[in-house]
Amino acid sequence: IEQKMVRFNPKDFGKTVTLEPIPTEMAEEVATRRANLFDILTEDDPDDLITSTLLEGGEPDNTKVRQLIRKATLSRRIQPVLCGSGREHIGVQLLLDAVVSYLPCPLDRPAVTGTSPKKKDREETRKTDPKEPFCGLIFKIVADSHGELAFVRVYSGVLKSGTRALNATRDTKELITKIYHTEADPSKRDELEEAQAGDIVAVIGLKDAVTGDTLCETANPIILERIRFAESVVSQSVEPESGADKQKLADVLEILRREDPTFNVKTDPETGQTLMSGMGTLHLEIKRHRMERDFNLRIRVGKPRVSYRETLRDAIEVEGECQRTTASGQIFGKVKVAFEPIPLDQYSPAAMAAAEAEAETGKKAKGGKTAAKAAGGPELVRVRSTLKPDVLPEAFEDAAVEGLRSALQSGELGYPVMGVSATLIKGEHDQETSNEVAFGVAASDAVGKALRKNILLLEPVMKVEVSTPEEFLGPITGDLNARHAEIRDIVVRGKLRVVEALVPMARLFDYADKIRSLSKGRASSTMEPYAYAPAPEDVLQRMLNPEF
């Protein structure tokens, strides 16, 4: 636009920027690209900002050129691309100028929409206006020396320091202790009394909030669209080198979990080991380095392992029974439950993560006797009752439904259960000996019988994209085939060949090193969770019979 060469001084990390004339050897290429830019912009110039000037052979005003680029960007007709290097500190100033010049400000966007926490089917809207009721979205949480910083995008209204806001996602109150305006330099932070619609600020004082939660006024609640995160697919054990650091490790893992919704931590019920789970081996390696570098923790980690899931192989009807003697006397309860597998094509790791995140809020689906998980994605398990009102007392029926849902949280191998529908179809009780506990136990017994010798092990499948020079295409595809990959497409992108494939996560642990070796460091790859698919039968048999 300016027809200048921009030079960044490496000695002061790119802070000094100078404009110089375009070198003679580049002048022709610059003129060609500038003409191409004007050809695209004049395809939609109804206000004649530059078209007539160009037709008359003149030079358009740079301000009007930027106005036209901004208009085309806002209409999503073009996407401006800038060059730079974060490592070399090149191009930062130009990028920030382009953000101001071309990207939309909050007033350019339509009113944000959400749902009412009380009536899920009722849509709520908020305009970008300080006079509207306050609402904001927590889009990032980071650990800070003064506590956790929650970054909030204020969509409407005013957020004031020292007040309390409703976390509508979790139905809790949060204290807004302090509000900060932050800069790229973490040490530079200005405290604010309030933040208005359109602002992005950092907040200290939140206790229960996590990434994706909505803050709003108690009198005008709204839940904005949740941020969807893919589910973790790789797990790794972690323990401190010193037993004295056990509690510190637990605290640090909790901080990292709150920062990153794709990072999860749990305790293996069989071994007692602490397991951290993430999007891949590189993800977990970064977390390990952070624990050692930022929190001064010396830790040991185990080998990565796949986060499997369990589901039903075949539909089955079973009876669950509780007939026990307790300290208070005999208890009895009996149920009959129909179990069915839900088709796997309804599931993906991203959708499942949405379901699990929604379930964490503690909100249950309403209507009839359904106790399935309310979710932004598909239900992980569906539990319902079709009993007539006179078959069981309501308390016993509720206990059985809740017992089914609780028992379906983990399968025979200890992995989470997904894709199972359970329907309570019969029940028997005794006036003298039946109670809620008995029907919870009977429901759990039914789940155990349904899963026994009837489980299908599911493994995460990753969508892998490999960019490689053509000379290495043969070795790359050969290696993918050896990993039982399903190659979906091979496309040409400039001088590169891009291979798109679906690969089981269990066969990708060493892929980054292997691809560097095969391509002499010239190929690159990306991967993301795609779906869950049945694992090879020999993997299931080794888990069921570890001695063989």
Protein backbone atom coordinates (compact mmCIF):
# COMPACT_ATOMS: atom_id res chain seq x y z
CA ILE A 1 0.00 0.00 0.00
CA GLU A 2 2.71 2.47 1.01
CA GLN A 3 5.18 1.02 -1.55
CA LYS A 4 7.96 1.00 1.02
CA MET A 5 10.34 -1.63 2.33
CA VAL A 6 10.03 -2.11 6.09
CA ARG A 7 13.22 -2.94 7.96
CA PHE A 8 13.33 -4.20 11.56
CA ASN A 9 16.41 -3.78 13.73
CA PRO A 10 17.45 -7.19 15.20
CA LYS A 11 19.66 -5.53 17.83
CA ASP A 12 16.67 -4.17 19.78
CA PHE A 13 14.36 -7.12 19.04
CA GLY A 14 12.50 -5.37 16.24
CA LYS A 15 11.45 -2.31 18.23
CA THR A 16 13.04 0.08 15.74
CA VAL A 17 11.26 0.13 12.39
CA THR A 18 12.47 2.07 9.34
CA LEU A 19 10.80 2.66 5.97
CA GLU A 20 13.07 2.54 2.95
CA PRO A 21 12.57 2.73 -0.82
CA ILE A 22 11.78 -0.56 -2.55
CA PRO A 23 14.95 -2.13 -4.02
CA THR A 24 15.13 -1.84 -7.81
CA GLU A 25 15.23 -5.61 -8.32
CA MET A 26 11.88 -5.97 -6.49
CA ALA A 27 10.05 -3.02 -8.02
CA GLU A 28 8.44 -5.02 -10.86
CA GLU A 29 7.09 -7.72 -8.54
CA VAL A 30 5.72 -5.12 -6.11
CA ALA A 31 3.94 -3.32 -8.97
CA THR A 32 2.38 -6.59 -10.18
CA ARG A 33 1.12 -7.56 -6.73
CA ARG A 34 -0.20 -4.05 -6.10
CA ALA A 35 -2.16 -4.21 -9.36
CA ASN A 36 -3.58 -7.60 -8.36
CA LEU A 37 -4.70 -6.11 -5.05
CA PHE A 38 -6.52 -3.26 -6.80
CA ASP A 39 -8.18 -5.68 -9.25
CA ILE A 40 -9.68 -7.61 -6.34
CA LEU A 41 -10.73 -4.52 -4.38
CA THR A 42 -12.46 -2.87 -7.35
CA GLU A 43 -14.69 -5.93 -7.87
CA ASP A 44 -16.84 -4.51 -5.06
CA ASP A 45 -16.41 -0.74 -4.77
CA PRO A 46 -19.98 0.66 -4.79
CA ASP A 47 -18.87 3.97 -3.24
CA ASP A 48 -16.21 4.44 -5.94
CA LEU A 49 -13.42 4.93 -3.41
CA ILE A 50 -10.62 4.02 -5.83
CA THR A 51 -12.12 2.67 -9.09
CA SER A 52 -12.46 5.95 -10.99
CA THR A 53 -9.02 7.11 -9.89
CA LEU A 54 -7.45 3.92 -11.21
CA LEU A 55 -9.35 4.13 -14.53
CA GLU A 56 -8.06 7.68 -14.99
CA GLY A 57 -4.51 6.43 -14.45
CA GLY A 58 -4.08 8.09 -11.07
CA GLU A 59 -2.78 6.80 -7.73
CA PRO A 60 -5.55 6.05 -5.20
CA ASP A 61 -5.46 7.55 -1.75
CA ASN A 62 -3.96 5.07 0.73
CA THR A 63 -6.63 5.88 3.32
CA LYS A 64 -9.37 4.93 0.86
CA VAL A 65 -7.48 1.73 -0.04
CA ARG A 66 -7.47 0.73 3.62
CA GLN A 67 -11.17 1.55 3.90
CA LEU A 68 -11.91 -0.77 0.99
CA ILE A 69 -9.71 -3.54 2.43
CA ARG A 70 -11.53 -3.22 5.75
CA LYS A 71 -14.93 -3.41 4.05
CA ALA A 72 -13.93 -6.52 2.08
CA THR A 73 -12.52 -8.11 5.24
CA LEU A 74 -15.66 -7.46 7.30
CA SER A 75 -17.78 -9.02 4.57
CA ARG A 76 -15.35 -11.99 4.59
CA ARG A 77 -14.66 -11.57 0.90
CA ILE A 78 -10.91 -11.40 1.51
CA GLN A 79 -8.53 -12.32 4.34
CA PRO A 80 -5.47 -10.05 4.71
CA VAL A 81 -2.20 -11.98 5.11
CA LEU A 82 0.91 -10.48 6.70
CA CYS A 83 4.47 -11.77 6.95
CA GLY A 84 6.52 -11.91 10.11
CA SER A 85 8.58 -13.95 12.53
CA GLY A 86 7.81 -14.21 16.23
CA ARG A 87 11.22 -15.68 16.96
CA GLU A 88 13.02 -12.85 15.14
CA HIS A 89 10.59 -10.16 16.39
CA ILE A 90 9.70 -9.12 12.85
CA GLY A 91 6.31 -7.77 11.81
CA VAL A 92 4.64 -7.24 15.19
CA GLN A 93 3.93 -3.53 14.62
CA LEU A 94 2.48 -4.15 11.16
CA LEU A 95 0.26 -6.90 12.51
CA LEU A 96 -1.16 -4.69 15.28
CA ASP A 97 -1.75 -1.85 12.80
CA ALA A 98 -3.60 -4.28 10.53
CA VAL A 99 -5.78 -5.46 13.41
CA VAL A 100 -6.82 -1.86 14.06
CA SER A 101 -7.27 -1.00 10.39
CA TYR A 102 -9.02 -4.07 9.02
CA LEU A 103 -10.60 -6.23 11.70
CA PRO A 104 -14.06 -5.52 13.18
CA CYS A 105 -14.54 -3.61 16.38
CA PRO A 106 -17.32 -4.80 18.73
CA LEU A 107 -19.76 -2.29 17.23
CA ASP A 108 -19.31 -3.91 13.82
CA ARG A 109 -20.63 -7.22 15.11
CA PRO A 110 -24.28 -8.16 15.68
CA ALA A 111 -25.76 -8.60 19.14
CA VAL A 112 -24.47 -11.68 20.93
CA THR A 113 -26.97 -14.46 21.57
CA GLY A 114 -27.25 -17.03 24.34
CA THR A 115 -29.78 -19.08 26.27
CA SER A 116 -31.63 -18.57 29.51
CA PRO A 117 -30.35 -20.78 32.37
CA LYS A 118 -33.94 -21.24 33.53
CA LYS A 119 -35.49 -21.96 30.13
CA LYS A 120 -32.99 -23.64 27.80
CA ASP A 121 -35.19 -23.14 24.74
CA ARG A 122 -35.45 -19.36 25.23
CA GLU A 123 -32.91 -17.26 23.35
CA GLU A 124 -31.42 -14.18 25.00
CA THR A 125 -29.61 -11.35 23.18
CA ARG A 126 -27.23 -8.63 24.37
CA LYS A 127 -26.19 -5.60 22.33
CA THR A 128 -22.70 -4.11 22.57
CA ASP A 129 -23.90 -1.29 24.77
CA PRO A 130 -22.87 -0.23 28.33
CA LYS A 131 -26.56 0.37 29.09
CA GLU A 132 -27.42 -3.30 28.48
CA PRO A 133 -27.29 -5.86 31.35
CA PHE A 134 -23.73 -7.07 31.90
CA CYS A 135 -22.51 -10.33 30.38
CA GLY A 136 -19.03 -11.58 29.55
CA LEU A 137 -17.24 -14.77 28.52
CA ILE A 138 -14.16 -16.19 30.25
CA PHE A 139 -11.96 -17.28 27.35
CA LYS A 140 -8.67 -17.94 29.13
CA ILE A 141 -7.29 -18.58 32.62
CA VAL A 142 -3.60 -18.32 33.50
CA ALA A 143 -1.66 -18.80 36.73
CA ASP A 144 -0.20 -15.59 38.16
CA SER A 145 1.97 -14.74 41.14
CA HIS A 146 -1.01 -12.88 42.67
CA GLY A 147 -3.53 -15.64 41.89
CA GLU A 148 -5.33 -16.83 38.82
CA LEU A 149 -5.99 -14.31 36.06
CA ALA A 150 -9.26 -14.85 34.21
CA PHE A 151 -9.41 -13.08 30.84
CA VAL A 152 -12.95 -11.84 30.14
CA ARG A 153 -14.48 -10.48 26.95
CA VAL A 154 -17.22 -8.05 28.04
CA TYR A 155 -20.05 -8.30 25.51
CA SER A 156 -22.54 -5.93 27.14
CA GLY A 157 -23.07 -3.71 30.16
CA VAL A 158 -20.44 -2.74 32.74
CA LEU A 159 -18.33 -4.95 35.03
CA LYS A 160 -17.20 -3.13 38.18
CA SER A 161 -14.34 -3.97 40.52
CA GLY A 162 -15.37 -5.13 44.01
CA THR A 163 -18.77 -6.44 42.92
CA ARG A 164 -20.19 -9.95 42.62
CA ALA A 165 -21.22 -11.48 39.31
CA LEU A 166 -23.25 -14.59 38.57
CA ASN A 167 -21.44 -17.48 36.93
CA ALA A 168 -24.51 -18.62 34.99
CA THR A 169 -22.77 -21.72 33.65
CA ARG A 170 -22.23 -23.11 37.17
CA ASP A 171 -24.98 -21.21 39.02
CA THR A 172 -22.52 -19.71 41.53
CA LYS A 173 -21.56 -16.18 42.57
CA GLU A 174 -18.04 -14.90 41.81
CA LEU A 175 -16.29 -11.97 43.50
CA ILE A 176 -14.62 -9.54 41.10
CA THR A 177 -11.72 -8.51 43.35
CA LYS A 178 -9.72 -6.53 40.80
CA ILE A 179 -9.89 -5.68 37.10
CA TYR A 180 -6.79 -5.09 35.00
CA HIS A 181 -6.03 -3.78 31.55
CA THR A 182 -3.20 -6.00 30.33
CA GLU A 183 -0.50 -5.54 27.73
CA ALA A 184 1.80 -7.90 25.87
CA ASP A 185 4.40 -7.38 28.61
CA PRO A 186 3.03 -9.27 31.64
CA SER A 187 4.75 -6.86 34.03
CA LYS A 188 2.71 -3.93 32.65
CA ARG A 189 -0.76 -3.98 34.10
CA ASP A 190 -3.13 -1.10 34.82
CA GLU A 191 -5.85 -1.54 37.43
CA LEU A 192 -9.31 -0.44 36.34
CA GLU A 193 -12.41 0.52 38.27
CA GLU A 194 -14.70 -0.93 35.61
CA ALA A 195 -14.81 -2.54 32.17
CA GLN A 196 -17.42 -1.67 29.57
CA ALA A 197 -18.96 -3.48 26.61
CA GLY A 198 -16.30 -4.31 24.03
CA ASP A 199 -13.40 -4.45 26.51
CA ILE A 200 -11.10 -7.40 27.08
CA VAL A 201 -9.79 -7.40 30.64
CA ALA A 202 -8.14 -9.65 33.21
CA VAL A 203 -9.98 -10.36 36.46
CA ILE A 204 -8.68 -11.62 39.81
CA GLY A 205 -10.86 -13.21 42.48
CA LEU A 206 -12.80 -15.93 40.66
CA LYS A 207 -12.95 -19.24 42.54
CA ASP A 208 -15.06 -21.73 40.57
CA ALA A 209 -14.92 -20.33 37.04
CA VAL A 210 -13.15 -22.14 34.22
CA THR A 211 -12.57 -21.36 30.57
CA GLY A 212 -15.85 -21.05 28.67
CA ASP A 213 -18.00 -19.92 31.60
CA THR A 214 -20.38 -16.96 31.34
CA LEU A 215 -20.44 -14.11 33.87
CA CYS A 216 -23.57 -11.95 34.03
CA GLU A 217 -25.97 -10.06 36.27
CA THR A 218 -28.03 -12.11 38.71
CA ALA A 219 -31.22 -10.31 37.68
CA ASN A 220 -30.59 -10.89 33.96
CA PRO A 221 -28.95 -14.31 33.58
CA ILE A 222 -27.67 -15.59 30.24
CA ILE A 223 -25.40 -18.44 29.14
CA LEU A 224 -23.33 -17.62 26.08
CA GLU A 225 -22.30 -20.28 23.60
CA ARG A 226 -19.73 -22.54 25.21
CA ILE A 227 -16.23 -22.90 23.83
CA ARG A 228 -15.93 -26.45 22.51
CA PHE A 229 -12.77 -28.34 23.37
CA ALA A 230 -11.67 -31.70 22.05
CA GLU A 231 -11.30 -34.54 24.54
CA SER A 232 -7.88 -35.66 25.70
CA VAL A 233 -6.66 -38.82 23.97
CA VAL A 234 -3.30 -39.60 25.62
CA SER A 235 -2.58 -40.27 29.30
CA GLN A 236 0.65 -40.40 31.27
CA SER A 237 1.37 -41.15 34.91
CA VAL A 238 3.10 -38.43 36.93
CA GLU A 239 4.58 -38.43 40.43
CA PRO A 240 6.97 -36.20 42.41
CA GLU A 241 10.56 -37.31 42.94
CA SER A 242 10.17 -36.36 46.60
CA GLY A 243 7.21 -37.46 48.70
CA ALA A 244 7.24 -34.03 50.34
CA ASP A 245 6.10 -32.51 47.02
CA LYS A 246 2.98 -34.68 46.70
CA GLN A 247 0.56 -31.94 47.74
CA LYS A 248 2.42 -29.32 45.69
CA LEU A 249 2.10 -31.56 42.62
CA ALA A 250 -1.65 -31.90 43.21
CA ASP A 251 -2.00 -28.11 43.51
CA VAL A 252 0.04 -27.46 40.35
CA LEU A 253 -1.90 -30.03 38.33
CA GLU A 254 -5.15 -28.36 39.42
CA ILE A 255 -3.81 -24.97 38.28
CA LEU A 256 -2.82 -26.40 34.89
CA ARG A 257 -6.20 -28.12 34.56
CA ARG A 258 -8.07 -24.87 35.18
CA GLU A 259 -5.86 -23.05 32.66
CA ASP A 260 -6.32 -25.63 29.91
CA PRO A 261 -9.67 -27.43 29.45
CA THR A 262 -8.05 -30.04 27.16
CA PHE A 263 -5.74 -31.10 30.04
CA ASN A 264 -7.29 -33.47 32.59
CA VAL A 265 -6.09 -35.12 35.78
CA LYS A 266 -7.47 -38.18 37.54
CA THR A 267 -6.37 -40.99 39.86
CA ASP A 268 -6.26 -44.55 38.57
CA PRO A 269 -8.59 -46.48 40.95
CA GLU A 270 -6.58 -49.71 40.56
CA THR A 271 -2.98 -48.49 40.89
CA GLY A 272 -3.52 -45.20 42.74
CA GLN A 273 -1.33 -43.42 40.18
CA THR A 274 -2.03 -39.84 39.18
CA LEU A 275 -2.74 -39.67 35.45
CA MET A 276 -2.53 -36.52 33.36
CA SER A 277 -4.26 -36.57 29.98
CA GLY A 278 -3.87 -34.29 26.97
CA MET A 279 -4.18 -33.90 23.22
CA GLY A 280 -0.94 -35.71 22.44
CA THR A 281 2.55 -36.50 23.64
CA LEU A 282 3.81 -32.99 22.79
CA HIS A 283 0.97 -31.46 24.83
CA LEU A 284 1.97 -33.53 27.89
CA GLU A 285 5.66 -32.78 27.36
CA ILE A 286 4.94 -29.04 27.45
CA LYS A 287 3.01 -29.47 30.71
CA ARG A 288 5.92 -31.41 32.19
CA HIS A 289 8.37 -28.66 31.27
CA ARG A 290 6.06 -26.05 32.77
CA MET A 291 5.88 -27.93 36.06
CA GLU A 292 9.66 -28.12 36.19
CA ARG A 293 10.42 -24.61 34.91
CA ASP A 294 7.60 -22.45 36.29
CA PHE A 295 6.77 -24.28 39.51
CA ASN A 296 10.19 -25.75 40.42
CA LEU A 297 8.82 -29.29 40.67
CA ARG A 298 11.00 -32.34 40.09
CA ILE A 299 8.76 -35.07 38.70
CA ARG A 300 8.84 -38.50 37.09
CA VAL A 301 6.48 -39.42 34.25
CA GLY A 302 5.52 -42.80 32.81
CA LYS A 303 5.11 -43.89 29.23
CA PRO A 304 2.20 -42.31 27.30
CA ARG A 305 -0.88 -44.47 26.93
CA VAL A 306 -4.07 -44.20 24.96
CA SER A 307 -7.32 -43.04 26.58
CA TYR A 308 -9.66 -45.85 25.53
CA ARG A 309 -13.45 -45.97 25.93
CA GLU A 310 -15.86 -48.88 26.46
CA THR A 311 -19.26 -49.54 24.93
CA LEU A 312 -21.65 -52.46 24.46
CA ARG A 313 -20.96 -54.99 21.74
CA ASP A 314 -24.56 -56.28 21.52
CA ALA A 315 -27.97 -55.25 22.83
CA ILE A 316 -29.05 -57.23 25.88
CA GLU A 317 -31.76 -57.40 28.56
CA VAL A 318 -30.62 -58.34 32.07
CA GLU A 319 -32.04 -58.56 35.57
CA GLY A 320 -30.25 -56.91 38.45
CA GLU A 321 -31.02 -57.95 42.00
CA CYS A 322 -30.13 -56.94 45.53
CA GLN A 323 -30.91 -59.42 48.29
CA ARG A 324 -28.66 -58.71 51.22
CA THR A 325 -28.56 -58.74 54.97
CA THR A 326 -27.41 -55.51 56.58
CA ALA A 327 -27.10 -54.31 60.16
CA SER A 328 -30.65 -52.99 59.97
CA GLY A 329 -32.06 -56.16 58.44
CA GLN A 330 -32.79 -57.74 55.04
CA ILE A 331 -33.02 -55.49 51.95
CA PHE A 332 -34.47 -56.39 48.56
CA GLY A 333 -34.76 -54.82 45.12
CA LYS A 334 -35.04 -56.20 41.61
CA VAL A 335 -34.98 -54.51 38.21
CA LYS A 336 -34.93 -55.50 34.56
CA VAL A 337 -33.02 -53.25 32.18
CA ALA A 338 -32.71 -53.17 28.39
CA PHE A 339 -29.25 -52.08 27.19
CA GLU A 340 -28.53 -50.99 23.61
CA PRO A 341 -25.42 -49.59 21.92
CA ILE A 342 -25.76 -46.14 20.37
CA PRO A 343 -24.30 -45.89 16.82
CA LEU A 344 -20.71 -44.66 16.92
CA ASP A 345 -21.23 -42.20 14.06
CA GLN A 346 -22.96 -39.91 16.56
CA TYR A 347 -19.71 -39.43 18.48
CA SER A 348 -16.48 -37.53 18.10
CA PRO A 349 -13.98 -36.53 20.82
CA ALA A 350 -14.97 -32.86 20.46
CA ALA A 351 -18.68 -33.62 20.87
CA MET A 352 -17.99 -35.91 23.82
CA ALA A 353 -15.89 -33.25 25.51
CA ALA A 354 -18.82 -30.84 25.11
CA ALA A 355 -21.12 -33.38 26.76
CA GLU A 356 -18.75 -33.98 29.66
CA ALA A 357 -18.16 -30.25 30.19
CA GLU A 358 -21.90 -29.61 30.29
CA ALA A 359 -22.40 -32.50 32.71
CA GLU A 360 -19.87 -30.95 35.10
CA THR A 361 -22.23 -28.07 35.76
CA GLY A 362 -24.46 -30.53 37.60
CA LYS A 363 -27.48 -29.77 35.51
CA LYS A 364 -29.57 -32.79 34.56
CA ALA A 365 -31.95 -33.20 31.69
CA LYS A 366 -35.58 -32.59 32.50
CA GLY A 367 -38.77 -34.27 31.44
CA GLY A 368 -40.25 -37.63 32.57
CA LYS A 369 -37.93 -39.96 34.39
CA THR A 370 -34.98 -39.28 32.11
CA ALA A 371 -31.65 -38.86 33.87
CA ALA A 372 -29.46 -38.68 30.80
CA LYS A 373 -26.70 -36.12 30.73
CA ALA A 374 -27.73 -32.76 29.38
CA ALA A 375 -25.09 -31.85 26.88
CA GLY A 376 -24.01 -29.50 24.17
CA GLY A 377 -22.86 -32.62 22.28
CA PRO A 378 -24.32 -36.14 22.12
CA GLU A 379 -25.14 -37.89 25.38
CA LEU A 380 -22.37 -40.19 26.56
CA VAL A 381 -24.96 -42.49 28.10
CA ARG A 382 -28.75 -42.39 27.96
CA VAL A 383 -30.72 -43.60 30.95
CA ARG A 384 -34.50 -43.57 31.13
CA SER A 385 -37.45 -45.39 32.65
CA THR A 386 -40.56 -46.69 30.89
CA LEU A 387 -42.21 -48.09 34.03
CA LYS A 388 -45.87 -47.44 34.61
CA PRO A 389 -46.60 -45.32 37.70
CA ASP A 390 -47.94 -48.23 39.78
CA VAL A 391 -44.99 -50.60 39.27
CA LEU A 392 -42.55 -49.03 41.74
CA PRO A 393 -42.75 -46.18 44.24
CA GLU A 394 -41.27 -43.04 42.74
CA ALA A 395 -38.34 -42.97 45.21
CA PHE A 396 -37.33 -46.54 44.26
CA GLU A 397 -37.61 -45.78 40.55
CA ASP A 398 -35.48 -42.65 40.88
CA ALA A 399 -32.88 -44.60 42.86
CA ALA A 400 -32.71 -47.27 40.15
CA VAL A 401 -32.32 -44.69 37.36
CA GLU A 402 -29.61 -42.87 39.29
CA GLY A 403 -27.90 -46.18 40.06
CA LEU A 404 -27.79 -47.02 36.35
CA ARG A 405 -26.32 -43.66 35.45
CA SER A 406 -23.71 -43.89 38.21
CA ALA A 407 -22.67 -47.45 37.33
CA LEU A 408 -22.26 -46.51 33.66
CA GLN A 409 -19.52 -44.00 34.45
CA SER A 410 -16.85 -46.71 34.07
CA GLY A 411 -16.80 -50.10 32.39
CA GLU A 412 -15.38 -53.53 33.09
CA LEU A 413 -11.83 -52.39 32.31
CA GLY A 414 -12.15 -49.11 34.21
CA TYR A 415 -12.37 -46.86 31.15
CA PRO A 416 -15.28 -44.39 30.73
CA VAL A 417 -18.39 -45.82 29.08
CA MET A 418 -19.87 -44.13 26.00
CA GLY A 419 -22.58 -44.89 23.50
CA VAL A 420 -24.88 -46.94 25.76
CA SER A 421 -28.65 -46.59 26.18
CA ALA A 422 -30.19 -48.13 29.31
CA THR A 423 -33.96 -48.39 29.77
CA LEU A 424 -35.58 -49.52 33.02
CA ILE A 425 -38.45 -51.79 31.88
CA LYS A 426 -39.43 -53.83 34.97
CA GLY A 427 -39.11 -53.69 38.74
CA GLU A 428 -40.08 -55.67 41.81
CA HIS A 429 -40.20 -54.51 45.41
CA ASP A 430 -41.24 -55.72 48.84
CA GLN A 431 -43.26 -53.56 51.19
CA GLU A 432 -41.17 -54.62 54.18
CA THR A 433 -37.58 -54.91 52.91
CA SER A 434 -37.21 -52.65 49.88
CA ASN A 435 -35.55 -49.22 49.98
CA GLU A 436 -33.63 -46.80 47.75
CA VAL A 437 -30.26 -48.36 48.54
CA ALA A 438 -31.44 -51.79 47.39
CA PHE A 439 -32.59 -50.45 44.03
CA GLY A 440 -29.34 -48.54 43.50
CA VAL A 441 -27.42 -51.78 44.13
CA ALA A 442 -29.75 -53.75 41.85
CA ALA A 443 -29.22 -51.24 39.03
CA SER A 444 -25.44 -51.47 39.46
CA ASP A 445 -25.70 -55.27 39.35
CA ALA A 446 -27.60 -55.03 36.05
CA VAL A 447 -24.89 -52.85 34.51
CA GLY A 448 -22.19 -55.28 35.59
CA LYS A 449 -24.02 -58.23 34.03
CA ALA A 450 -24.67 -56.31 30.79
CA LEU A 451 -21.00 -55.38 30.31
CA ARG A 452 -19.54 -58.74 31.34
CA LYS A 453 -18.09 -60.43 28.23
CA ASN A 454 -20.06 -57.94 26.12
CA ILE A 455 -17.77 -54.92 25.87
CA LEU A 456 -16.38 -53.31 22.75
CA LEU A 457 -13.14 -51.40 23.31
CA LEU A 458 -12.95 -48.08 21.46
CA GLU A 459 -9.76 -46.20 20.61
CA PRO A 460 -9.33 -42.57 19.54
CA VAL A 461 -8.60 -42.02 15.86
CA MET A 462 -6.67 -38.92 14.85
CA LYS A 463 -7.03 -36.84 11.72
CA VAL A 464 -3.46 -36.40 10.47
CA GLU A 465 -2.31 -33.96 7.81
CA VAL A 466 1.24 -34.29 6.47
CA SER A 467 2.87 -31.67 4.22
CA THR A 468 5.89 -33.04 2.39
CA PRO A 469 7.98 -32.41 -0.73
CA GLU A 470 6.99 -34.79 -3.52
CA GLU A 471 10.28 -36.71 -3.34
CA PHE A 472 9.35 -38.00 0.14
CA LEU A 473 5.70 -38.80 -0.65
CA GLY A 474 6.36 -42.54 -1.15
CA PRO A 475 8.10 -43.14 2.21
CA ILE A 476 5.52 -40.99 4.03
CA THR A 477 2.49 -42.87 2.65
CA GLY A 478 4.25 -46.21 3.14
CA ASP A 479 4.83 -45.42 6.79
CA LEU A 480 1.20 -44.33 7.23
CA ASN A 481 -0.03 -47.60 5.72
CA ALA A 482 2.21 -49.50 8.14
CA ARG A 483 0.44 -47.66 10.97
CA HIS A 484 -2.96 -48.93 9.73
CA ALA A 485 -3.88 -45.47 8.44
CA GLU A 486 -6.80 -44.74 6.17
CA ILE A 487 -5.45 -42.27 3.60
CA ARG A 488 -8.38 -40.04 2.64
CA ASP A 489 -6.76 -37.70 0.13
CA ILE A 490 -3.49 -36.43 -1.34
CA VAL A 491 -3.63 -32.87 -2.67
CA VAL A 492 -1.16 -30.45 -4.25
CA ARG A 493 -0.42 -27.28 -2.30
CA GLY A 494 2.19 -25.23 -4.13
CA LYS A 495 5.37 -27.31 -4.33
CA LEU A 496 4.20 -29.62 -1.53
CA ARG A 497 2.00 -32.69 -1.37
CA VAL A 498 -0.49 -32.79 1.49
CA VAL A 499 -1.58 -36.21 2.74
CA GLU A 500 -4.81 -36.42 4.77
CA ALA A 501 -5.28 -39.62 6.76
CA LEU A 502 -7.05 -41.15 9.74
CA VAL A 503 -4.68 -42.99 12.09
CA PRO A 504 -5.23 -44.78 15.44
CA MET A 505 -3.72 -42.71 18.26
CA ALA A 506 -1.94 -45.79 19.65
CA ARG A 507 0.30 -45.86 16.56
CA LEU A 508 1.31 -42.19 16.60
CA PHE A 509 3.47 -41.85 19.71
CA ASP A 510 6.73 -41.81 17.72
CA TYR A 511 5.36 -40.18 14.58
CA ALA A 512 6.99 -36.75 14.99
CA ASP A 513 10.47 -38.30 15.15
CA LYS A 514 9.72 -40.77 12.35
CA ILE A 515 8.48 -38.15 9.90
CA ARG A 516 11.59 -36.04 10.48
CA SER A 517 13.75 -39.07 9.74
CA LEU A 518 11.84 -40.03 6.58
CA SER A 519 11.89 -36.53 5.09
CA LYS A 520 15.29 -35.30 6.35
CA GLY A 521 13.43 -32.74 8.43
CA ARG A 522 11.51 -31.21 5.50
CA ALA A 523 8.01 -32.60 6.18
CA SER A 524 5.61 -31.35 8.84
CA SER A 525 2.44 -32.78 10.32
CA THR A 526 -0.58 -31.78 12.35
CA MET A 527 -3.11 -33.98 14.10
CA GLU A 528 -6.41 -33.54 15.89
CA PRO A 529 -8.99 -35.92 17.42
CA TYR A 530 -11.43 -37.18 14.80
CA ALA A 531 -13.57 -39.99 16.22
CA TYR A 532 -13.64 -43.18 18.26
CA ALA A 533 -13.51 -46.55 16.49
CA PRO A 534 -13.36 -50.20 17.63
CA ALA A 535 -9.86 -51.17 18.75
CA PRO A 536 -8.25 -54.37 17.41
CA GLU A 537 -9.58 -57.47 19.15
CA ASP A 538 -6.09 -58.51 20.32
CA VAL A 539 -5.79 -55.24 22.30
CA LEU A 540 -9.00 -56.04 24.17
CA GLN A 541 -7.94 -59.62 24.84
CA ARG A 542 -4.58 -58.49 26.27
CA MET A 543 -6.42 -56.20 28.68
CA LEU A 544 -8.89 -58.89 29.71
CA ASN A 545 -6.14 -61.53 30.06
CA PRO A 546 -2.90 -59.69 30.94
CA GLU A 547 -1.16 -62.94 31.87
CA PHE A 548 -1.30 -64.15 28.24
